Amino acid sequence: MGEPFETSAAWKPARELTNEVYQFCRREPLCRDFGLRDQLQRAAVSVMNNVAEGWESLHVAEKRQAYNIARRSCGEVRSMSYPLLDNKFINIAEQEKLRSQCVQTGKLISGPIRSLNDR
């Protein structure tokens, strides 16, 4: 058996991204915007879970699909950082940090995708 997904270079920052999102979602007034809050949380958790799912899959096509979903979910969280900022749920420094986390996590997810493409 290989290493557990928790050791993955992509899963650890995905977990940090998810925790950052959940911290924002506990704050007022975002905690009361159920639609945006729930979509944001689902997208962040999707990053983390799809990295784990890809890691655990035995089939290359399934791995690639899960990693691609994780990467797309990073883009979704990054996109949602703009309405968070525009509606004053987060400040510019928080938005820049969130965007940076999304970009960095996406880059780390690209590594396993590239390694699958090299097979």
N, C-alpha and C. Protein backbone atom coordinates (compact mmCIF):
# COMPACT_ATOMS: atom_id res chain seq x y z
N MET A 1 0.85 -1.19 0.00
CA MET A 1 0.00 0.00 0.00
C MET A 1 0.88 1.24 0.00
N GLY A 2 0.52 2.25 -0.76
CA GLY A 2 1.29 3.49 -0.85
C GLY A 2 1.06 4.39 0.35
N GLU A 3 1.62 5.55 0.23
CA GLU A 3 1.45 6.56 1.28
C GLU A 3 -0.02 6.99 1.36
N PRO A 4 -0.48 7.40 2.54
CA PRO A 4 -1.86 7.88 2.65
C PRO A 4 -2.02 9.26 2.01
N PHE A 5 -3.22 9.59 1.57
CA PHE A 5 -3.47 10.87 0.91
C PHE A 5 -3.09 12.06 1.79
N GLU A 6 -3.13 11.86 3.11
CA GLU A 6 -2.79 12.96 4.03
C GLU A 6 -1.34 13.43 3.86
N THR A 7 -0.50 12.62 3.25
CA THR A 7 0.90 13.01 3.02
C THR A 7 1.08 13.73 1.69
N SER A 8 0.04 13.77 0.89
CA SER A 8 0.11 14.40 -0.43
C SER A 8 0.43 15.89 -0.31
N ALA A 9 1.34 16.35 -1.17
CA ALA A 9 1.70 17.77 -1.19
C ALA A 9 0.51 18.63 -1.59
N ALA A 10 -0.46 18.07 -2.29
CA ALA A 10 -1.64 18.84 -2.70
C ALA A 10 -2.75 18.81 -1.65
N TRP A 11 -2.85 17.71 -0.90
CA TRP A 11 -3.96 17.60 0.06
C TRP A 11 -3.79 18.54 1.24
N LYS A 12 -2.57 18.68 1.73
CA LYS A 12 -2.34 19.53 2.91
C LYS A 12 -2.77 20.98 2.68
N PRO A 13 -2.35 21.63 1.58
CA PRO A 13 -2.83 23.00 1.36
C PRO A 13 -4.32 23.05 1.03
N ALA A 14 -4.87 21.99 0.46
CA ALA A 14 -6.31 21.95 0.22
C ALA A 14 -7.06 21.96 1.55
N ARG A 15 -6.52 21.25 2.53
CA ARG A 15 -7.12 21.26 3.86
C ARG A 15 -7.03 22.66 4.48
N GLU A 16 -5.89 23.31 4.33
CA GLU A 16 -5.72 24.67 4.86
C GLU A 16 -6.69 25.64 4.19
N LEU A 17 -6.87 25.49 2.87
CA LEU A 17 -7.81 26.32 2.13
C LEU A 17 -9.22 26.11 2.67
N THR A 18 -9.60 24.87 2.89
CA THR A 18 -10.92 24.56 3.42
C THR A 18 -11.12 25.18 4.80
N ASN A 19 -10.11 25.09 5.65
CA ASN A 19 -10.22 25.67 6.98
C ASN A 19 -10.34 27.18 6.93
N GLU A 20 -9.62 27.82 6.02
CA GLU A 20 -9.71 29.27 5.85
C GLU A 20 -11.13 29.67 5.44
N VAL A 21 -11.68 28.93 4.48
CA VAL A 21 -13.05 29.20 4.01
C VAL A 21 -14.04 29.04 5.17
N TYR A 22 -13.91 27.98 5.94
CA TYR A 22 -14.83 27.77 7.06
C TYR A 22 -14.72 28.87 8.11
N GLN A 23 -13.52 29.41 8.31
CA GLN A 23 -13.37 30.53 9.25
C GLN A 23 -14.15 31.74 8.76
N PHE A 24 -14.04 32.04 7.46
CA PHE A 24 -14.80 33.17 6.90
C PHE A 24 -16.29 32.93 7.03
N CYS A 25 -16.73 31.70 6.80
CA CYS A 25 -18.16 31.39 6.79
C CYS A 25 -18.79 31.43 8.17
N ARG A 26 -17.99 31.40 9.22
CA ARG A 26 -18.53 31.51 10.58
C ARG A 26 -18.76 32.97 10.98
N ARG A 27 -18.21 33.89 10.22
CA ARG A 27 -18.29 35.30 10.58
C ARG A 27 -19.56 35.95 10.05
N GLU A 28 -19.97 37.00 10.75
CA GLU A 28 -21.06 37.86 10.26
C GLU A 28 -20.50 38.76 9.17
N PRO A 29 -21.25 39.09 8.17
CA PRO A 29 -22.60 38.65 7.84
C PRO A 29 -22.63 37.42 6.92
N LEU A 30 -21.45 36.91 6.54
CA LEU A 30 -21.41 35.77 5.61
C LEU A 30 -22.15 34.56 6.15
N CYS A 31 -22.11 34.36 7.46
CA CYS A 31 -22.77 33.19 8.03
C CYS A 31 -24.28 33.20 7.78
N ARG A 32 -24.83 34.39 7.46
CA ARG A 32 -26.27 34.48 7.19
C ARG A 32 -26.61 34.43 5.71
N ASP A 33 -25.59 34.50 4.84
CA ASP A 33 -25.82 34.40 3.39
C ASP A 33 -25.70 32.93 3.03
N PHE A 34 -26.79 32.20 3.22
CA PHE A 34 -26.76 30.74 3.13
C PHE A 34 -26.31 30.24 1.77
N GLY A 35 -26.79 30.86 0.70
CA GLY A 35 -26.44 30.40 -0.64
C GLY A 35 -24.96 30.52 -0.92
N LEU A 36 -24.41 31.71 -0.72
CA LEU A 36 -22.99 31.94 -0.98
C LEU A 36 -22.12 31.12 -0.03
N ARG A 37 -22.49 31.11 1.23
CA ARG A 37 -21.73 30.36 2.23
C ARG A 37 -21.67 28.88 1.89
N ASP A 38 -22.83 28.30 1.59
CA ASP A 38 -22.88 26.87 1.30
C ASP A 38 -22.11 26.52 0.03
N GLN A 39 -22.25 27.35 -1.02
CA GLN A 39 -21.53 27.09 -2.27
C GLN A 39 -20.01 27.19 -2.05
N LEU A 40 -19.60 28.17 -1.28
CA LEU A 40 -18.18 28.36 -0.98
C LEU A 40 -17.62 27.18 -0.19
N GLN A 41 -18.36 26.75 0.81
CA GLN A 41 -17.91 25.61 1.60
C GLN A 41 -17.86 24.33 0.76
N ARG A 42 -18.87 24.11 -0.06
CA ARG A 42 -18.88 22.91 -0.91
C ARG A 42 -17.70 22.91 -1.87
N ALA A 43 -17.40 24.07 -2.46
CA ALA A 43 -16.29 24.14 -3.41
C ALA A 43 -14.96 23.87 -2.70
N ALA A 44 -14.77 24.44 -1.52
CA ALA A 44 -13.52 24.23 -0.79
C ALA A 44 -13.36 22.77 -0.38
N VAL A 45 -14.42 22.18 0.13
CA VAL A 45 -14.36 20.77 0.53
C VAL A 45 -14.13 19.88 -0.69
N SER A 46 -14.67 20.28 -1.85
CA SER A 46 -14.47 19.54 -3.08
C SER A 46 -12.99 19.47 -3.46
N VAL A 47 -12.26 20.56 -3.23
CA VAL A 47 -10.83 20.54 -3.52
C VAL A 47 -10.16 19.43 -2.70
N MET A 48 -10.38 19.48 -1.41
CA MET A 48 -9.75 18.54 -0.49
C MET A 48 -10.17 17.09 -0.77
N ASN A 49 -11.47 16.88 -0.92
CA ASN A 49 -11.98 15.52 -1.11
C ASN A 49 -11.58 14.93 -2.46
N ASN A 50 -11.53 15.75 -3.49
CA ASN A 50 -11.17 15.21 -4.80
C ASN A 50 -9.68 14.92 -4.90
N VAL A 51 -8.85 15.65 -4.18
CA VAL A 51 -7.44 15.28 -4.11
C VAL A 51 -7.33 13.91 -3.45
N ALA A 52 -8.05 13.72 -2.34
CA ALA A 52 -8.02 12.43 -1.64
C ALA A 52 -8.56 11.32 -2.54
N GLU A 53 -9.66 11.60 -3.24
CA GLU A 53 -10.26 10.59 -4.11
C GLU A 53 -9.31 10.21 -5.24
N GLY A 54 -8.67 11.19 -5.84
CA GLY A 54 -7.71 10.90 -6.90
C GLY A 54 -6.54 10.08 -6.39
N TRP A 55 -6.06 10.45 -5.22
CA TRP A 55 -4.93 9.76 -4.61
C TRP A 55 -5.26 8.28 -4.36
N GLU A 56 -6.47 8.03 -3.90
CA GLU A 56 -6.88 6.68 -3.53
C GLU A 56 -7.30 5.82 -4.73
N SER A 57 -7.62 6.44 -5.85
CA SER A 57 -8.09 5.67 -6.99
C SER A 57 -6.98 4.82 -7.59
N LEU A 58 -7.35 3.66 -8.07
CA LEU A 58 -6.40 2.75 -8.71
C LEU A 58 -6.34 2.95 -10.22
N HIS A 59 -7.31 3.63 -10.79
CA HIS A 59 -7.41 3.78 -12.24
C HIS A 59 -6.98 5.17 -12.67
N VAL A 60 -6.13 5.23 -13.67
CA VAL A 60 -5.56 6.49 -14.13
C VAL A 60 -6.65 7.48 -14.56
N ALA A 61 -7.64 7.02 -15.30
CA ALA A 61 -8.70 7.92 -15.77
C ALA A 61 -9.47 8.52 -14.59
N GLU A 62 -9.75 7.71 -13.57
CA GLU A 62 -10.46 8.20 -12.39
C GLU A 62 -9.58 9.18 -11.61
N LYS A 63 -8.30 8.88 -11.48
CA LYS A 63 -7.37 9.79 -10.81
C LYS A 63 -7.38 11.15 -11.51
N ARG A 64 -7.20 11.11 -12.83
CA ARG A 64 -7.15 12.35 -13.61
C ARG A 64 -8.44 13.15 -13.43
N GLN A 65 -9.58 12.47 -13.50
CA GLN A 65 -10.87 13.16 -13.35
C GLN A 65 -10.99 13.82 -11.97
N ALA A 66 -10.63 13.10 -10.93
CA ALA A 66 -10.74 13.65 -9.57
C ALA A 66 -9.81 14.85 -9.39
N TYR A 67 -8.57 14.73 -9.88
CA TYR A 67 -7.64 15.85 -9.77
C TYR A 67 -8.11 17.06 -10.57
N ASN A 68 -8.69 16.82 -11.75
CA ASN A 68 -9.21 17.93 -12.54
C ASN A 68 -10.38 18.61 -11.84
N ILE A 69 -11.24 17.84 -11.20
CA ILE A 69 -12.34 18.43 -10.43
C ILE A 69 -11.79 19.26 -9.28
N ALA A 70 -10.78 18.74 -8.59
CA ALA A 70 -10.17 19.48 -7.49
C ALA A 70 -9.61 20.81 -7.99
N ARG A 71 -8.93 20.77 -9.12
CA ARG A 71 -8.34 21.99 -9.67
C ARG A 71 -9.43 22.99 -10.08
N ARG A 72 -10.49 22.49 -10.69
CA ARG A 72 -11.60 23.38 -11.07
C ARG A 72 -12.25 23.99 -9.83
N SER A 73 -12.36 23.21 -8.77
CA SER A 73 -12.94 23.73 -7.53
C SER A 73 -12.07 24.84 -6.93
N CYS A 74 -10.75 24.74 -7.10
CA CYS A 74 -9.87 25.84 -6.68
C CYS A 74 -10.26 27.12 -7.42
N GLY A 75 -10.50 26.98 -8.72
CA GLY A 75 -10.93 28.13 -9.51
C GLY A 75 -12.26 28.68 -9.05
N GLU A 76 -13.15 27.79 -8.65
CA GLU A 76 -14.46 28.21 -8.16
C GLU A 76 -14.32 29.02 -6.87
N VAL A 77 -13.50 28.54 -5.94
CA VAL A 77 -13.29 29.28 -4.69
C VAL A 77 -12.64 30.63 -5.00
N ARG A 78 -11.65 30.62 -5.91
CA ARG A 78 -10.99 31.87 -6.28
C ARG A 78 -11.98 32.85 -6.88
N SER A 79 -12.86 32.37 -7.75
CA SER A 79 -13.87 33.23 -8.35
C SER A 79 -14.81 33.81 -7.29
N MET A 80 -15.20 32.98 -6.32
CA MET A 80 -16.11 33.44 -5.27
C MET A 80 -15.44 34.43 -4.33
N SER A 81 -14.11 34.51 -4.36
CA SER A 81 -13.44 35.49 -3.50
C SER A 81 -13.81 36.91 -3.91
N TYR A 82 -14.20 37.10 -5.17
CA TYR A 82 -14.57 38.44 -5.64
C TYR A 82 -15.91 38.92 -5.07
N PRO A 83 -16.98 38.12 -5.14
CA PRO A 83 -18.20 38.60 -4.47
C PRO A 83 -18.02 38.71 -2.96
N LEU A 84 -17.15 37.88 -2.38
CA LEU A 84 -16.87 38.04 -0.94
C LEU A 84 -16.28 39.40 -0.67
N LEU A 85 -15.33 39.81 -1.51
CA LEU A 85 -14.70 41.12 -1.36
C LEU A 85 -15.68 42.25 -1.70
N ASP A 86 -16.35 42.11 -2.84
CA ASP A 86 -17.25 43.17 -3.32
C ASP A 86 -18.39 43.45 -2.36
N ASN A 87 -18.80 42.43 -1.62
CA ASN A 87 -19.90 42.59 -0.66
C ASN A 87 -19.43 42.74 0.77
N LYS A 88 -18.12 42.97 0.90
CA LYS A 88 -17.50 43.28 2.19
C LYS A 88 -17.62 42.17 3.24
N PHE A 89 -17.65 40.92 2.75
CA PHE A 89 -17.59 39.77 3.66
C PHE A 89 -16.15 39.54 4.11
N ILE A 90 -15.19 39.91 3.25
CA ILE A 90 -13.77 39.84 3.57
C ILE A 90 -13.11 41.12 3.08
N ASN A 91 -11.92 41.42 3.64
CA ASN A 91 -11.20 42.61 3.20
C ASN A 91 -10.21 42.23 2.10
N ILE A 92 -9.54 43.23 1.54
CA ILE A 92 -8.65 43.00 0.40
C ILE A 92 -7.49 42.06 0.77
N ALA A 93 -6.94 42.21 1.96
CA ALA A 93 -5.83 41.33 2.38
C ALA A 93 -6.30 39.88 2.48
N GLU A 94 -7.49 39.68 3.02
CA GLU A 94 -8.04 38.32 3.13
C GLU A 94 -8.33 37.74 1.75
N GLN A 95 -8.84 38.58 0.85
CA GLN A 95 -9.13 38.11 -0.50
C GLN A 95 -7.84 37.73 -1.22
N GLU A 96 -6.81 38.55 -1.07
CA GLU A 96 -5.54 38.24 -1.72
C GLU A 96 -4.94 36.95 -1.18
N LYS A 97 -5.05 36.73 0.13
CA LYS A 97 -4.55 35.50 0.73
C LYS A 97 -5.34 34.29 0.20
N LEU A 98 -6.67 34.43 0.15
CA LEU A 98 -7.52 33.34 -0.34
C LEU A 98 -7.20 33.04 -1.80
N ARG A 99 -7.09 34.07 -2.62
CA ARG A 99 -6.73 33.88 -4.04
C ARG A 99 -5.39 33.18 -4.16
N SER A 100 -4.42 33.61 -3.38
CA SER A 100 -3.09 33.02 -3.42
C SER A 100 -3.13 31.54 -3.02
N GLN A 101 -3.90 31.24 -1.97
CA GLN A 101 -4.05 29.83 -1.55
C GLN A 101 -4.66 29.00 -2.67
N CYS A 102 -5.64 29.54 -3.36
CA CYS A 102 -6.28 28.81 -4.47
C CYS A 102 -5.30 28.56 -5.60
N VAL A 103 -4.54 29.59 -5.96
CA VAL A 103 -3.57 29.45 -7.04
C VAL A 103 -2.49 28.43 -6.67
N GLN A 104 -1.96 28.55 -5.46
CA GLN A 104 -0.90 27.64 -5.01
C GLN A 104 -1.40 26.20 -4.93
N THR A 105 -2.59 26.01 -4.38
CA THR A 105 -3.16 24.66 -4.29
C THR A 105 -3.39 24.09 -5.68
N GLY A 106 -3.91 24.91 -6.58
CA GLY A 106 -4.12 24.47 -7.96
C GLY A 106 -2.83 24.04 -8.63
N LYS A 107 -1.76 24.78 -8.39
CA LYS A 107 -0.45 24.40 -8.95
C LYS A 107 0.01 23.06 -8.39
N LEU A 108 -0.20 22.85 -7.10
CA LEU A 108 0.21 21.59 -6.48
C LEU A 108 -0.62 20.41 -7.00
N ILE A 109 -1.87 20.67 -7.35
CA ILE A 109 -2.72 19.62 -7.93
C ILE A 109 -2.28 19.33 -9.36
N SER A 110 -1.73 20.33 -10.04
CA SER A 110 -1.26 20.12 -11.41
C SER A 110 -0.12 19.11 -11.48
N GLY A 111 0.66 18.98 -10.41
CA GLY A 111 1.75 18.01 -10.39
C GLY A 111 1.28 16.59 -10.63
N PRO A 112 0.34 16.10 -9.83
CA PRO A 112 -0.17 14.74 -10.09
C PRO A 112 -0.82 14.60 -11.46
N ILE A 113 -1.47 15.66 -11.95
CA ILE A 113 -2.09 15.59 -13.28
C ILE A 113 -0.99 15.42 -14.34
N ARG A 114 0.07 16.20 -14.22
CA ARG A 114 1.18 16.07 -15.17
C ARG A 114 1.81 14.69 -15.12
N SER A 115 1.97 14.16 -13.90
CA SER A 115 2.60 12.83 -13.79
C SER A 115 1.71 11.76 -14.43
N LEU A 116 0.40 11.93 -14.35
CA LEU A 116 -0.50 10.98 -15.01
C LEU A 116 -0.39 11.11 -16.53
N ASN A 117 -0.23 12.34 -17.02
CA ASN A 117 -0.11 12.57 -18.45
C ASN A 117 1.17 11.98 -19.01
N ASP A 118 2.19 11.85 -18.15
CA ASP A 118 3.48 11.30 -18.59
C ASP A 118 3.45 9.78 -18.67
N ARG A 119 2.41 9.16 -18.14
CA ARG A 119 2.32 7.68 -18.16
C ARG A 119 2.03 7.15 -19.53
